[in-house]
Amino acid sequence: MAGQKKINKNYMDNIPKRSDQRPWRMREDGVAEIDVENKGFYHFIAQKFFGKPRVSHIALDAHGSVVWQSIDGKNSVHDIVRIMEQKFPGEKSRMLDRVVTYIAMLQRNEFITMEVKK
């Protein structure tokens, strides 16, 4: 496992929760789609003069859609890694890094919050 990051065990017990500020839906093709409202002065200018949308619809890939569905306020990061390993067994060796990185990106962009287990 050379080159693999060490993940804090306590982090794996944390429970991600979807933000109430991010409406989303599952499309018929099984893809999760999250709505992001484009707010602020620069977005206003882009909407007014360049016809940019007020709301962007972010379609997740197959992996992201499974992670997003697994974030139910009950599953821990560890649980989500296991779900992903079952869903994508050929990628099991890379799944821990992939899920942790993806969850960190969702948190950084305020799509989720993290309930820290003590």
PDB file of N, CA and C in Angstrom:
ATOM      1  N   MET A   1       0.821  -1.180   0.000  1.00  0.00           N
ATOM      2  CA  MET A   1       0.000   0.000   0.000  1.00  0.00           C
ATOM      3  C   MET A   1       0.872   1.253   0.000  1.00  0.00           C
ATOM      4  N   ALA A   2       1.932   1.197  -0.747  1.00  0.00           N
ATOM      5  CA  ALA A   2       2.822   2.349  -0.843  1.00  0.00           C
ATOM      6  C   ALA A   2       2.097   3.515  -1.489  1.00  0.00           C
ATOM      7  N   GLY A   3       2.347   4.709  -0.975  1.00  0.00           N
ATOM      8  CA  GLY A   3       1.748   5.906  -1.549  1.00  0.00           C
ATOM      9  C   GLY A   3       0.343   6.199  -1.051  1.00  0.00           C
ATOM     10  N   GLN A   4      -0.215   5.299  -0.234  1.00  0.00           N
ATOM     11  CA  GLN A   4      -1.568   5.513   0.258  1.00  0.00           C
ATOM     12  C   GLN A   4      -1.539   6.383   1.509  1.00  0.00           C
ATOM     13  N   LYS A   5      -2.455   7.346   1.576  1.00  0.00           N
ATOM     14  CA  LYS A   5      -2.537   8.231   2.733  1.00  0.00           C
ATOM     15  C   LYS A   5      -3.040   7.466   3.949  1.00  0.00           C
ATOM     16  N   LYS A   6      -2.601   7.904   5.125  1.00  0.00           N
ATOM     17  CA  LYS A   6      -3.125   7.334   6.361  1.00  0.00           C
ATOM     18  C   LYS A   6      -4.372   8.132   6.743  1.00  0.00           C
ATOM     19  N   ILE A   7      -5.475   7.453   6.935  1.00  0.00           N
ATOM     20  CA  ILE A   7      -6.745   8.075   7.277  1.00  0.00           C
ATOM     21  C   ILE A   7      -6.990   7.870   8.765  1.00  0.00           C
ATOM     22  N   ASN A   8      -7.287   8.938   9.473  1.00  0.00           N
ATOM     23  CA  ASN A   8      -7.574   8.884  10.893  1.00  0.00           C
ATOM     24  C   ASN A   8      -8.805   8.011  11.122  1.00  0.00           C
ATOM     25  N   LYS A   9      -8.672   7.011  12.003  1.00  0.00           N
ATOM     26  CA  LYS A   9      -9.784   6.090  12.290  1.00  0.00           C
ATOM     27  C   LYS A   9     -11.027   6.849  12.750  1.00  0.00           C
ATOM     28  N   ASN A  10     -10.845   7.882  13.561  1.00  0.00           N
ATOM     29  CA  ASN A  10     -11.994   8.645  14.031  1.00  0.00           C
ATOM     30  C   ASN A  10     -12.743   9.295  12.872  1.00  0.00           C
ATOM     31  N   TYR A  11     -12.018   9.738  11.838  1.00  0.00           N
ATOM     32  CA  TYR A  11     -12.656  10.326  10.663  1.00  0.00           C
ATOM     33  C   TYR A  11     -13.608   9.316  10.018  1.00  0.00           C
ATOM     34  N   MET A  12     -13.207   8.073  10.000  1.00  0.00           N
ATOM     35  CA  MET A  12     -14.008   7.024   9.367  1.00  0.00           C
ATOM     36  C   MET A  12     -15.334   6.807  10.097  1.00  0.00           C
ATOM     37  N   ASP A  13     -15.411   7.203  11.374  1.00  0.00           N
ATOM     38  CA  ASP A  13     -16.645   7.065  12.146  1.00  0.00           C
ATOM     39  C   ASP A  13     -17.603   8.239  11.940  1.00  0.00           C
ATOM     40  N   ASN A  14     -17.116   9.330  11.345  1.00  0.00           N
ATOM     41  CA  ASN A  14     -17.954  10.511  11.127  1.00  0.00           C
ATOM     42  C   ASN A  14     -19.094  10.195  10.160  1.00  0.00           C
ATOM     43  N   ILE A  15     -20.182  10.935  10.331  1.00  0.00           N
ATOM     44  CA  ILE A  15     -21.374  10.705   9.522  1.00  0.00           C
ATOM     45  C   ILE A  15     -21.648  11.936   8.668  1.00  0.00           C
ATOM     46  N   PRO A  16     -21.477  11.797   7.339  1.00  0.00           N
ATOM     47  CA  PRO A  16     -21.801  12.926   6.463  1.00  0.00           C
ATOM     48  C   PRO A  16     -23.314  13.086   6.330  1.00  0.00           C
ATOM     49  N   LYS A  17     -23.748  14.348   6.210  1.00  0.00           N
ATOM     50  CA  LYS A  17     -25.166  14.661   6.031  1.00  0.00           C
ATOM     51  C   LYS A  17     -25.308  15.654   4.883  1.00  0.00           C
ATOM     52  N   ARG A  18     -26.289  15.414   4.033  1.00  0.00           N
ATOM     53  CA  ARG A  18     -26.533  16.326   2.921  1.00  0.00           C
ATOM     54  C   ARG A  18     -27.027  17.666   3.433  1.00  0.00           C
ATOM     55  N   SER A  19     -26.602  18.733   2.776  1.00  0.00           N
ATOM     56  CA  SER A  19     -27.053  20.076   3.118  1.00  0.00           C
ATOM     57  C   SER A  19     -28.500  20.266   2.689  1.00  0.00           C
ATOM     58  N   ASP A  20     -29.296  20.880   3.545  1.00  0.00           N
ATOM     59  CA  ASP A  20     -30.682  21.205   3.196  1.00  0.00           C
ATOM     60  C   ASP A  20     -30.737  22.311   2.143  1.00  0.00           C
ATOM     61  N   GLN A  21     -29.625  23.005   1.943  1.00  0.00           N
ATOM     62  CA  GLN A  21     -29.559  24.117   0.994  1.00  0.00           C
ATOM     63  C   GLN A  21     -29.297  23.648  -0.436  1.00  0.00           C
ATOM     64  N   ARG A  22     -29.136  22.357  -0.638  1.00  0.00           N
ATOM     65  CA  ARG A  22     -28.822  21.809  -1.963  1.00  0.00           C
ATOM     66  C   ARG A  22     -29.910  20.842  -2.416  1.00  0.00           C
ATOM     67  N   PRO A  23     -30.936  21.353  -3.088  1.00  0.00           N
ATOM     68  CA  PRO A  23     -31.954  20.441  -3.615  1.00  0.00           C
ATOM     69  C   PRO A  23     -31.316  19.459  -4.600  1.00  0.00           C
ATOM     70  N   TRP A  24     -31.838  18.255  -4.652  1.00  0.00           N
ATOM     71  CA  TRP A  24     -31.289  17.266  -5.561  1.00  0.00           C
ATOM     72  C   TRP A  24     -32.374  16.276  -5.958  1.00  0.00           C
ATOM     73  N   ARG A  25     -32.067  15.479  -6.961  1.00  0.00           N
ATOM     74  CA  ARG A  25     -32.995  14.463  -7.443  1.00  0.00           C
ATOM     75  C   ARG A  25     -32.201  13.318  -8.066  1.00  0.00           C
ATOM     76  N   MET A  26     -32.813  12.165  -8.125  1.00  0.00           N
ATOM     77  CA  MET A  26     -32.245  11.045  -8.872  1.00  0.00           C
ATOM     78  C   MET A  26     -32.933  11.035 -10.227  1.00  0.00           C
ATOM     79  N   ARG A  27     -32.142  11.086 -11.270  1.00  0.00           N
ATOM     80  CA  ARG A  27     -32.705  11.025 -12.613  1.00  0.00           C
ATOM     81  C   ARG A  27     -33.068   9.582 -12.943  1.00  0.00           C
ATOM     82  N   GLU A  28     -33.856   9.413 -13.992  1.00  0.00           N
ATOM     83  CA  GLU A  28     -34.270   8.071 -14.395  1.00  0.00           C
ATOM     84  C   GLU A  28     -33.091   7.184 -14.764  1.00  0.00           C
ATOM     85  N   ASP A  29     -31.987   7.796 -15.201  1.00  0.00           N
ATOM     86  CA  ASP A  29     -30.807   7.012 -15.590  1.00  0.00           C
ATOM     87  C   ASP A  29     -29.914   6.644 -14.396  1.00  0.00           C
ATOM     88  N   GLY A  30     -30.381   6.948 -13.169  1.00  0.00           N
ATOM     89  CA  GLY A  30     -29.641   6.575 -11.965  1.00  0.00           C
ATOM     90  C   GLY A  30     -28.574   7.568 -11.545  1.00  0.00           C
ATOM     91  N   VAL A  31     -28.548   8.729 -12.184  1.00  0.00           N
ATOM     92  CA  VAL A  31     -27.564   9.761 -11.866  1.00  0.00           C
ATOM     93  C   VAL A  31     -28.168  10.747 -10.875  1.00  0.00           C
ATOM     94  N   ALA A  32     -27.393  11.053  -9.822  1.00  0.00           N
ATOM     95  CA  ALA A  32     -27.822  12.080  -8.867  1.00  0.00           C
ATOM     96  C   ALA A  32     -27.493  13.444  -9.463  1.00  0.00           C
ATOM     97  N   GLU A  33     -28.442  14.369  -9.365  1.00  0.00           N
ATOM     98  CA  GLU A  33     -28.270  15.717  -9.895  1.00  0.00           C
ATOM     99  C   GLU A  33     -28.562  16.709  -8.776  1.00  0.00           C
ATOM    100  N   ILE A  34     -27.587  17.582  -8.501  1.00  0.00           N
ATOM    101  CA  ILE A  34     -27.685  18.538  -7.410  1.00  0.00           C
ATOM    102  C   ILE A  34     -27.839  19.934  -7.994  1.00  0.00           C
ATOM    103  N   ASP A  35     -28.755  20.711  -7.426  1.00  0.00           N
ATOM    104  CA  ASP A  35     -28.973  22.089  -7.872  1.00  0.00           C
ATOM    105  C   ASP A  35     -28.106  23.035  -7.059  1.00  0.00           C
ATOM    106  N   VAL A  36     -27.453  23.961  -7.751  1.00  0.00           N
ATOM    107  CA  VAL A  36     -26.632  24.975  -7.104  1.00  0.00           C
ATOM    108  C   VAL A  36     -27.093  26.331  -7.607  1.00  0.00           C
ATOM    109  N   GLU A  37     -27.572  27.162  -6.674  1.00  0.00           N
ATOM    110  CA  GLU A  37     -28.016  28.503  -7.041  1.00  0.00           C
ATOM    111  C   GLU A  37     -26.797  29.404  -7.197  1.00  0.00           C
ATOM    112  N   ASN A  38     -26.744  30.095  -8.320  1.00  0.00           N
ATOM    113  CA  ASN A  38     -25.634  30.999  -8.611  1.00  0.00           C
ATOM    114  C   ASN A  38     -25.977  32.381  -8.079  1.00  0.00           C
ATOM    115  N   LYS A  39     -25.413  32.712  -6.912  1.00  0.00           N
ATOM    116  CA  LYS A  39     -25.709  33.975  -6.235  1.00  0.00           C
ATOM    117  C   LYS A  39     -24.503  34.897  -6.283  1.00  0.00           C
ATOM    118  N   GLY A  40     -24.738  36.149  -5.976  1.00  0.00           N
ATOM    119  CA  GLY A  40     -23.658  37.115  -5.872  1.00  0.00           C
ATOM    120  C   GLY A  40     -23.601  38.054  -7.066  1.00  0.00           C
ATOM    121  N   PHE A  41     -22.809  39.082  -6.904  1.00  0.00           N
ATOM    122  CA  PHE A  41     -22.718  40.145  -7.899  1.00  0.00           C
ATOM    123  C   PHE A  41     -22.259  39.627  -9.266  1.00  0.00           C
ATOM    124  N   TYR A  42     -21.178  38.853  -9.291  1.00  0.00           N
ATOM    125  CA  TYR A  42     -20.631  38.387 -10.559  1.00  0.00           C
ATOM    126  C   TYR A  42     -21.584  37.421 -11.262  1.00  0.00           C
ATOM    127  N   HIS A  43     -22.266  36.609 -10.479  1.00  0.00           N
ATOM    128  CA  HIS A  43     -23.266  35.717 -11.081  1.00  0.00           C
ATOM    129  C   HIS A  43     -24.423  36.536 -11.643  1.00  0.00           C
ATOM    130  N   PHE A  44     -24.816  37.585 -10.931  1.00  0.00           N
ATOM    131  CA  PHE A  44     -25.888  38.455 -11.403  1.00  0.00           C
ATOM    132  C   PHE A  44     -25.510  39.065 -12.763  1.00  0.00           C
ATOM    133  N   ILE A  45     -24.290  39.561 -12.879  1.00  0.00           N
ATOM    134  CA  ILE A  45     -23.816  40.149 -14.142  1.00  0.00           C
ATOM    135  C   ILE A  45     -23.832  39.099 -15.250  1.00  0.00           C
ATOM    136  N   ALA A  46     -23.320  37.905 -14.936  1.00  0.00           N
ATOM    137  CA  ALA A  46     -23.282  36.832 -15.942  1.00  0.00           C
ATOM    138  C   ALA A  46     -24.689  36.432 -16.374  1.00  0.00           C
ATOM    139  N   GLN A  47     -25.634  36.411 -15.435  1.00  0.00           N
ATOM    140  CA  GLN A  47     -27.012  36.066 -15.766  1.00  0.00           C
ATOM    141  C   GLN A  47     -27.655  37.146 -16.616  1.00  0.00           C
ATOM    142  N   LYS A  48     -27.446  38.395 -16.233  1.00  0.00           N
ATOM    143  CA  LYS A  48     -28.080  39.533 -16.896  1.00  0.00           C
ATOM    144  C   LYS A  48     -27.553  39.746 -18.313  1.00  0.00           C
ATOM    145  N   PHE A  49     -26.224  39.690 -18.462  1.00  0.00           N
ATOM    146  CA  PHE A  49     -25.623  40.054 -19.744  1.00  0.00           C
ATOM    147  C   PHE A  49     -25.208  38.877 -20.625  1.00  0.00           C
ATOM    148  N   PHE A  50     -24.999  37.724 -20.028  1.00  0.00           N
ATOM    149  CA  PHE A  50     -24.522  36.589 -20.811  1.00  0.00           C
ATOM    150  C   PHE A  50     -25.480  35.409 -20.810  1.00  0.00           C
ATOM    151  N   GLY A  51     -26.645  35.598 -20.195  1.00  0.00           N
ATOM    152  CA  GLY A  51     -27.663  34.547 -20.207  1.00  0.00           C
ATOM    153  C   GLY A  51     -27.316  33.306 -19.408  1.00  0.00           C
ATOM    154  N   LYS A  52     -26.435  33.439 -18.445  1.00  0.00           N
ATOM    155  CA  LYS A  52     -26.082  32.297 -17.601  1.00  0.00           C
ATOM    156  C   LYS A  52     -27.271  31.945 -16.703  1.00  0.00           C
ATOM    157  N   PRO A  53     -27.427  30.657 -16.378  1.00  0.00           N
ATOM    158  CA  PRO A  53     -28.585  30.249 -15.572  1.00  0.00           C
ATOM    159  C   PRO A  53     -28.480  30.690 -14.113  1.00  0.00           C
ATOM    160  N   ARG A  54     -29.624  30.899 -13.486  1.00  0.00           N
ATOM    161  CA  ARG A  54     -29.674  31.230 -12.068  1.00  0.00           C
ATOM    162  C   ARG A  54     -29.348  30.002 -11.229  1.00  0.00           C
ATOM    163  N   VAL A  55     -29.717  28.820 -11.741  1.00  0.00           N
ATOM    164  CA  VAL A  55     -29.452  27.570 -11.037  1.00  0.00           C
ATOM    165  C   VAL A  55     -28.705  26.629 -11.979  1.00  0.00           C
ATOM    166  N   SER A  56     -27.592  26.088 -11.492  1.00  0.00           N
ATOM    167  CA  SER A  56     -26.846  25.077 -12.240  1.00  0.00           C
ATOM    168  C   SER A  56     -27.251  23.704 -11.720  1.00  0.00           C
ATOM    169  N   HIS A  57     -27.314  22.741 -12.618  1.00  0.00           N
ATOM    170  CA  HIS A  57     -27.670  21.361 -12.258  1.00  0.00           C
ATOM    171  C   HIS A  57     -26.404  20.517 -12.420  1.00  0.00           C
ATOM    172  N   ILE A  58     -25.866  20.067 -11.295  1.00  0.00           N
ATOM    173  CA  ILE A  58     -24.613  19.311 -11.283  1.00  0.00           C
ATOM    174  C   ILE A  58     -24.942  17.821 -11.314  1.00  0.00           C
ATOM    175  N   ALA A  59     -24.621  17.165 -12.433  1.00  0.00           N
ATOM    176  CA  ALA A  59     -24.846  15.726 -12.575  1.00  0.00           C
ATOM    177  C   ALA A  59     -23.596  14.991 -12.109  1.00  0.00           C
ATOM    178  N   LEU A  60     -23.753  14.102 -11.153  1.00  0.00           N
ATOM    179  CA  LEU A  60     -22.633  13.329 -10.629  1.00  0.00           C
ATOM    180  C   LEU A  60     -22.384  12.116 -11.520  1.00  0.00           C
ATOM    181  N   ASP A  61     -21.169  11.595 -11.503  1.00  0.00           N
ATOM    182  CA  ASP A  61     -20.873  10.377 -12.244  1.00  0.00           C
ATOM    183  C   ASP A  61     -21.419   9.171 -11.468  1.00  0.00           C
ATOM    184  N   ALA A  62     -21.192   7.974 -11.993  1.00  0.00           N
ATOM    185  CA  ALA A  62     -21.729   6.761 -11.358  1.00  0.00           C
ATOM    186  C   ALA A  62     -21.224   6.607  -9.922  1.00  0.00           C
ATOM    187  N   HIS A  63     -19.928   6.825  -9.708  1.00  0.00           N
ATOM    188  CA  HIS A  63     -19.360   6.703  -8.364  1.00  0.00           C
ATOM    189  C   HIS A  63     -19.948   7.766  -7.437  1.00  0.00           C
ATOM    190  N   GLY A  64     -19.970   9.004  -7.907  1.00  0.00           N
ATOM    191  CA  GLY A  64     -20.504  10.095  -7.096  1.00  0.00           C
ATOM    192  C   GLY A  64     -21.960   9.898  -6.746  1.00  0.00           C
ATOM    193  N   SER A  65     -22.729   9.340  -7.678  1.00  0.00           N
ATOM    194  CA  SER A  65     -24.156   9.105  -7.426  1.00  0.00           C
ATOM    195  C   SER A  65     -24.360   8.072  -6.324  1.00  0.00           C
ATOM    196  N   VAL A  66     -23.525   7.030  -6.311  1.00  0.00           N
ATOM    197  CA  VAL A  66     -23.634   6.016  -5.251  1.00  0.00           C
ATOM    198  C   VAL A  66     -23.228   6.619  -3.907  1.00  0.00           C
ATOM    199  N   VAL A  67     -22.153   7.401  -3.891  1.00  0.00           N
ATOM    200  CA  VAL A  67     -21.739   8.060  -2.645  1.00  0.00           C
ATOM    201  C   VAL A  67     -22.867   8.964  -2.166  1.00  0.00           C
ATOM    202  N   TRP A  68     -23.413   9.788  -3.056  1.00  0.00           N
ATOM    203  CA  TRP A  68     -24.461  10.741  -2.684  1.00  0.00           C
ATOM    204  C   TRP A  68     -25.676  10.028  -2.102  1.00  0.00           C
ATOM    205  N   GLN A  69     -26.105   8.943  -2.734  1.00  0.00           N
ATOM    206  CA  GLN A  69     -27.247   8.184  -2.214  1.00  0.00           C
ATOM    207  C   GLN A  69     -26.922   7.557  -0.862  1.00  0.00           C
ATOM    208  N   SER A  70     -25.665   7.207  -0.645  1.00  0.00           N
ATOM    209  CA  SER A  70     -25.255   6.565   0.608  1.00  0.00           C
ATOM    210  C   SER A  70     -25.176   7.554   1.766  1.00  0.00           C
ATOM    211  N   ILE A  71     -25.098   8.839   1.438  1.00  0.00           N
ATOM    212  CA  ILE A  71     -25.062   9.875   2.476  1.00  0.00           C
ATOM    213  C   ILE A  71     -26.500  10.121   2.920  1.00  0.00           C
ATOM    214  N   ASP A  72     -26.885   9.388   3.960  1.00  0.00           N
ATOM    215  CA  ASP A  72     -28.277   9.437   4.418  1.00  0.00           C
ATOM    216  C   ASP A  72     -28.412   9.933   5.857  1.00  0.00           C
ATOM    217  N   GLY A  73     -27.312  10.412   6.438  1.00  0.00           N
ATOM    218  CA  GLY A  73     -27.351  10.872   7.824  1.00  0.00           C
ATOM    219  C   GLY A  73     -27.206   9.744   8.825  1.00  0.00           C
ATOM    220  N   LYS A  74     -27.069   8.512   8.332  1.00  0.00           N
ATOM    221  CA  LYS A  74     -26.886   7.347   9.206  1.00  0.00           C
ATOM    222  C   LYS A  74     -25.575   6.633   8.911  1.00  0.00           C
ATOM    223  N   ASN A  75     -25.219   6.557   7.622  1.00  0.00           N
ATOM    224  CA  ASN A  75     -23.989   5.861   7.233  1.00  0.00           C
ATOM    225  C   ASN A  75     -22.768   6.683   7.589  1.00  0.00           C
ATOM    226  N   SER A  76     -21.776   6.022   8.186  1.00  0.00           N
ATOM    227  CA  SER A  76     -20.496   6.670   8.467  1.00  0.00           C
ATOM    228  C   SER A  76     -19.648   6.636   7.190  1.00  0.00           C
ATOM    229  N   VAL A  77     -18.531   7.340   7.229  1.00  0.00           N
ATOM    230  CA  VAL A  77     -17.597   7.290   6.100  1.00  0.00           C
ATOM    231  C   VAL A  77     -17.177   5.843   5.870  1.00  0.00           C
ATOM    232  N   HIS A  78     -16.916   5.122   6.930  1.00  0.00           N
ATOM    233  CA  HIS A  78     -16.543   3.700   6.827  1.00  0.00           C
ATOM    234  C   HIS A  78     -17.640   2.910   6.107  1.00  0.00           C
ATOM    235  N   ASP A  79     -18.895   3.123   6.479  1.00  0.00           N
ATOM    236  CA  ASP A  79     -20.011   2.424   5.841  1.00  0.00           C
ATOM    237  C   ASP A  79     -20.060   2.734   4.347  1.00  0.00           C
ATOM    238  N   ILE A  80     -19.825   3.986   4.000  1.00  0.00           N
ATOM    239  CA  ILE A  80     -19.890   4.399   2.593  1.00  0.00           C
ATOM    240  C   ILE A  80     -18.761   3.747   1.795  1.00  0.00           C
ATOM    241  N   VAL A  81     -17.581   3.642   2.389  1.00  0.00           N
ATOM    242  CA  VAL A  81     -16.476   2.954   1.714  1.00  0.00           C
ATOM    243  C   VAL A  81     -16.873   1.511   1.440  1.00  0.00           C
ATOM    244  N   ARG A  82     -17.465   0.842   2.404  1.00  0.00           N
ATOM    245  CA  ARG A  82     -17.885  -0.562   2.232  1.00  0.00           C
ATOM    246  C   ARG A  82     -18.965  -0.685   1.145  1.00  0.00           C
ATOM    247  N   ILE A  83     -19.913   0.236   1.131  1.00  0.00           N
ATOM    248  CA  ILE A  83     -20.958   0.230   0.095  1.00  0.00           C
ATOM    249  C   ILE A  83     -20.316   0.354  -1.283  1.00  0.00           C
ATOM    250  N   MET A  84     -19.364   1.277  -1.402  1.00  0.00           N
ATOM    251  CA  MET A  84     -18.688   1.489  -2.683  1.00  0.00           C
ATOM    252  C   MET A  84     -17.864   0.268  -3.093  1.00  0.00           C
ATOM    253  N   GLU A  85     -17.213  -0.382  -2.137  1.00  0.00           N
ATOM    254  CA  GLU A  85     -16.435  -1.585  -2.452  1.00  0.00           C
ATOM    255  C   GLU A  85     -17.331  -2.698  -2.970  1.00  0.00           C
ATOM    256  N   GLN A  86     -18.551  -2.787  -2.432  1.00  0.00           N
ATOM    257  CA  GLN A  86     -19.493  -3.792  -2.910  1.00  0.00           C
ATOM    258  C   GLN A  86     -20.025  -3.443  -4.295  1.00  0.00           C
ATOM    259  N   LYS A  87     -20.277  -2.172  -4.521  1.00  0.00           N
ATOM    260  CA  LYS A  87     -20.835  -1.716  -5.799  1.00  0.00           C
ATOM    261  C   LYS A  87     -19.803  -1.778  -6.928  1.00  0.00           C
ATOM    262  N   PHE A  88     -18.538  -1.508  -6.597  1.00  0.00           N
ATOM    263  CA  PHE A  88     -17.462  -1.487  -7.583  1.00  0.00           C
ATOM    264  C   PHE A  88     -16.312  -2.391  -7.113  1.00  0.00           C
ATOM    265  N   PRO A  89     -16.530  -3.721  -7.092  1.00  0.00           N
ATOM    266  CA  PRO A  89     -15.538  -4.636  -6.519  1.00  0.00           C
ATOM    267  C   PRO A  89     -14.185  -4.623  -7.232  1.00  0.00           C
ATOM    268  N   GLY A  90     -14.141  -4.289  -8.484  1.00  0.00           N
ATOM    269  CA  GLY A  90     -12.880  -4.247  -9.220  1.00  0.00           C
ATOM    270  C   GLY A  90     -11.996  -3.082  -8.822  1.00  0.00           C
ATOM    271  N   GLU A  91     -12.534  -2.131  -8.066  1.00  0.00           N
ATOM    272  CA  GLU A  91     -11.781  -0.945  -7.658  1.00  0.00           C
ATOM    273  C   GLU A  91     -11.570  -0.894  -6.146  1.00  0.00           C
ATOM    274  N   LYS A  92     -11.742  -2.018  -5.493  1.00  0.00           N
ATOM    275  CA  LYS A  92     -11.695  -2.080  -4.033  1.00  0.00           C
ATOM    276  C   LYS A  92     -10.405  -1.506  -3.447  1.00  0.00           C
ATOM    277  N   SER A  93      -9.275  -1.748  -4.085  1.00  0.00           N
ATOM    278  CA  SER A  93      -7.998  -1.302  -3.518  1.00  0.00           C
ATOM    279  C   SER A  93      -7.857   0.222  -3.496  1.00  0.00           C
ATOM    280  N   ARG A  94      -8.577   0.923  -4.346  1.00  0.00           N
ATOM    281  CA  ARG A  94      -8.494   2.384  -4.416  1.00  0.00           C
ATOM    282  C   ARG A  94      -9.674   3.091  -3.758  1.00  0.00           C
ATOM    283  N   MET A  95     -10.640   2.331  -3.280  1.00  0.00           N
ATOM    284  CA  MET A  95     -11.902   2.929  -2.867  1.00  0.00           C
ATOM    285  C   MET A  95     -11.788   3.826  -1.633  1.00  0.00           C
ATOM    286  N   LEU A  96     -10.980   3.466  -0.666  1.00  0.00           N
ATOM    287  CA  LEU A  96     -10.848   4.293   0.536  1.00  0.00           C
ATOM    288  C   LEU A  96     -10.397   5.706   0.166  1.00  0.00           C
ATOM    289  N   ASP A  97      -9.304   5.816  -0.580  1.00  0.00           N
ATOM    290  CA  ASP A  97      -8.816   7.139  -0.986  1.00  0.00           C
ATOM    291  C   ASP A  97      -9.847   7.877  -1.825  1.00  0.00           C
ATOM    292  N   ARG A  98     -10.489   7.154  -2.721  1.00  0.00           N
ATOM    293  CA  ARG A  98     -11.460   7.780  -3.612  1.00  0.00           C
ATOM    294  C   ARG A  98     -12.633   8.372  -2.830  1.00  0.00           C
ATOM    295  N   VAL A  99     -13.189   7.601  -1.910  1.00  0.00           N
ATOM    296  CA  VAL A  99     -14.350   8.056  -1.136  1.00  0.00           C
ATOM    297  C   VAL A  99     -13.973   9.204  -0.206  1.00  0.00           C
ATOM    298  N   VAL A 100     -12.859   9.081   0.490  1.00  0.00           N
ATOM    299  CA  VAL A 100     -12.439  10.138   1.416  1.00  0.00           C
ATOM    300  C   VAL A 100     -12.193  11.442   0.653  1.00  0.00           C
ATOM    301  N   THR A 101     -11.546  11.363  -0.493  1.00  0.00           N
ATOM    302  CA  THR A 101     -11.298  12.553  -1.312  1.00  0.00           C
ATOM    303  C   THR A 101     -12.610  13.158  -1.796  1.00  0.00           C
ATOM    304  N   TYR A 102     -13.530  12.325  -2.241  1.00  0.00           N
ATOM    305  CA  TYR A 102     -14.814  12.803  -2.757  1.00  0.00           C
ATOM    306  C   TYR A 102     -15.645  13.456  -1.648  1.00  0.00           C
ATOM    307  N   ILE A 103     -15.684  12.830  -0.486  1.00  0.00           N
ATOM    308  CA  ILE A 103     -16.434  13.394   0.642  1.00  0.00           C
ATOM    309  C   ILE A 103     -15.826  14.726   1.066  1.00  0.00           C
ATOM    310  N   ALA A 104     -14.502  14.816   1.075  1.00  0.00           N
ATOM    311  CA  ALA A 104     -13.839  16.080   1.422  1.00  0.00           C
ATOM    312  C   ALA A 104     -14.221  17.177   0.426  1.00  0.00           C
ATOM    313  N   MET A 105     -14.309  16.829  -0.858  1.00  0.00           N
ATOM    314  CA  MET A 105     -14.703  17.800  -1.881  1.00  0.00           C
ATOM    315  C   MET A 105     -16.158  18.239  -1.683  1.00  0.00           C
ATOM    316  N   LEU A 106     -17.032  17.312  -1.369  1.00  0.00           N
ATOM    317  CA  LEU A 106     -18.435  17.657  -1.104  1.00  0.00           C
ATOM    318  C   LEU A 106     -18.538  18.587   0.099  1.00  0.00           C
ATOM    319  N   GLN A 107     -17.760  18.313   1.126  1.00  0.00           N
ATOM    320  CA  GLN A 107     -17.781  19.141   2.335  1.00  0.00           C
ATOM    321  C   GLN A 107     -17.215  20.528   2.050  1.00  0.00           C
ATOM    322  N   ARG A 108     -16.115  20.593   1.323  1.00  0.00           N
ATOM    323  CA  ARG A 108     -15.483  21.869   0.988  1.00  0.00           C
ATOM    324  C   ARG A 108     -16.429  22.767   0.184  1.00  0.00           C
ATOM    325  N   ASN A 109     -17.255  22.167  -0.667  1.00  0.00           N
ATOM    326  CA  ASN A 109     -18.195  22.919  -1.489  1.00  0.00           C
ATOM    327  C   ASN A 109     -19.567  23.075  -0.828  1.00  0.00           C
ATOM    328  N   GLU A 110     -19.639  22.709   0.449  1.00  0.00           N
ATOM    329  CA  GLU A 110     -20.837  22.867   1.267  1.00  0.00           C
ATOM    330  C   GLU A 110     -22.057  22.107   0.736  1.00  0.00           C
ATOM    331  N   PHE A 111     -21.792  20.954   0.102  1.00  0.00           N
ATOM    332  CA  PHE A 111     -22.877  20.075  -0.325  1.00  0.00           C
ATOM    333  C   PHE A 111     -23.287  19.175   0.852  1.00  0.00           C
ATOM    334  N   ILE A 112     -22.340  18.961   1.781  1.00  0.00           N
ATOM    335  CA  ILE A 112     -22.601  18.141   2.961  1.00  0.00           C
ATOM    336  C   ILE A 112     -21.982  18.804   4.183  1.00  0.00           C
ATOM    337  N   THR A 113     -22.430  18.347   5.339  1.00  0.00           N
ATOM    338  CA  THR A 113     -21.774  18.663   6.601  1.00  0.00           C
ATOM    339  C   THR A 113     -21.352  17.338   7.215  1.00  0.00           C
ATOM    340  N   MET A 114     -20.515  17.424   8.241  1.00  0.00           N
ATOM    341  CA  MET A 114     -19.995  16.213   8.856  1.00  0.00           C
ATOM    342  C   MET A 114     -20.340  16.196  10.322  1.00  0.00           C
ATOM    343  N   GLU A 115     -20.989  15.157  10.771  1.00  0.00           N
ATOM    344  CA  GLU A 115     -21.251  14.964  12.203  1.00  0.00           C
ATOM    345  C   GLU A 115     -20.061  14.215  12.765  1.00  0.00           C
ATOM    346  N   VAL A 116     -19.335  14.871  13.635  1.00  0.00           N
ATOM    347  CA  VAL A 116     -18.127  14.288  14.197  1.00  0.00           C
ATOM    348  C   VAL A 116     -18.496  13.409  15.386  1.00  0.00           C
ATOM    349  N   LYS A 117     -18.094  12.155  15.316  1.00  0.00           N
ATOM    350  CA  LYS A 117     -18.324  11.233  16.432  1.00  0.00           C
ATOM    351  C   LYS A 117     -17.224  11.423  17.457  1.00  0.00           C
ATOM    352  N   LYS A 118     -17.613  11.489  18.719  1.00  0.00           N
ATOM    353  CA  LYS A 118     -16.643  11.702  19.795  1.00  0.00           C
ATOM    354  C   LYS A 118     -16.294  10.409  20.474  1.00  0.00           C
TER     355      LYS A 118
END
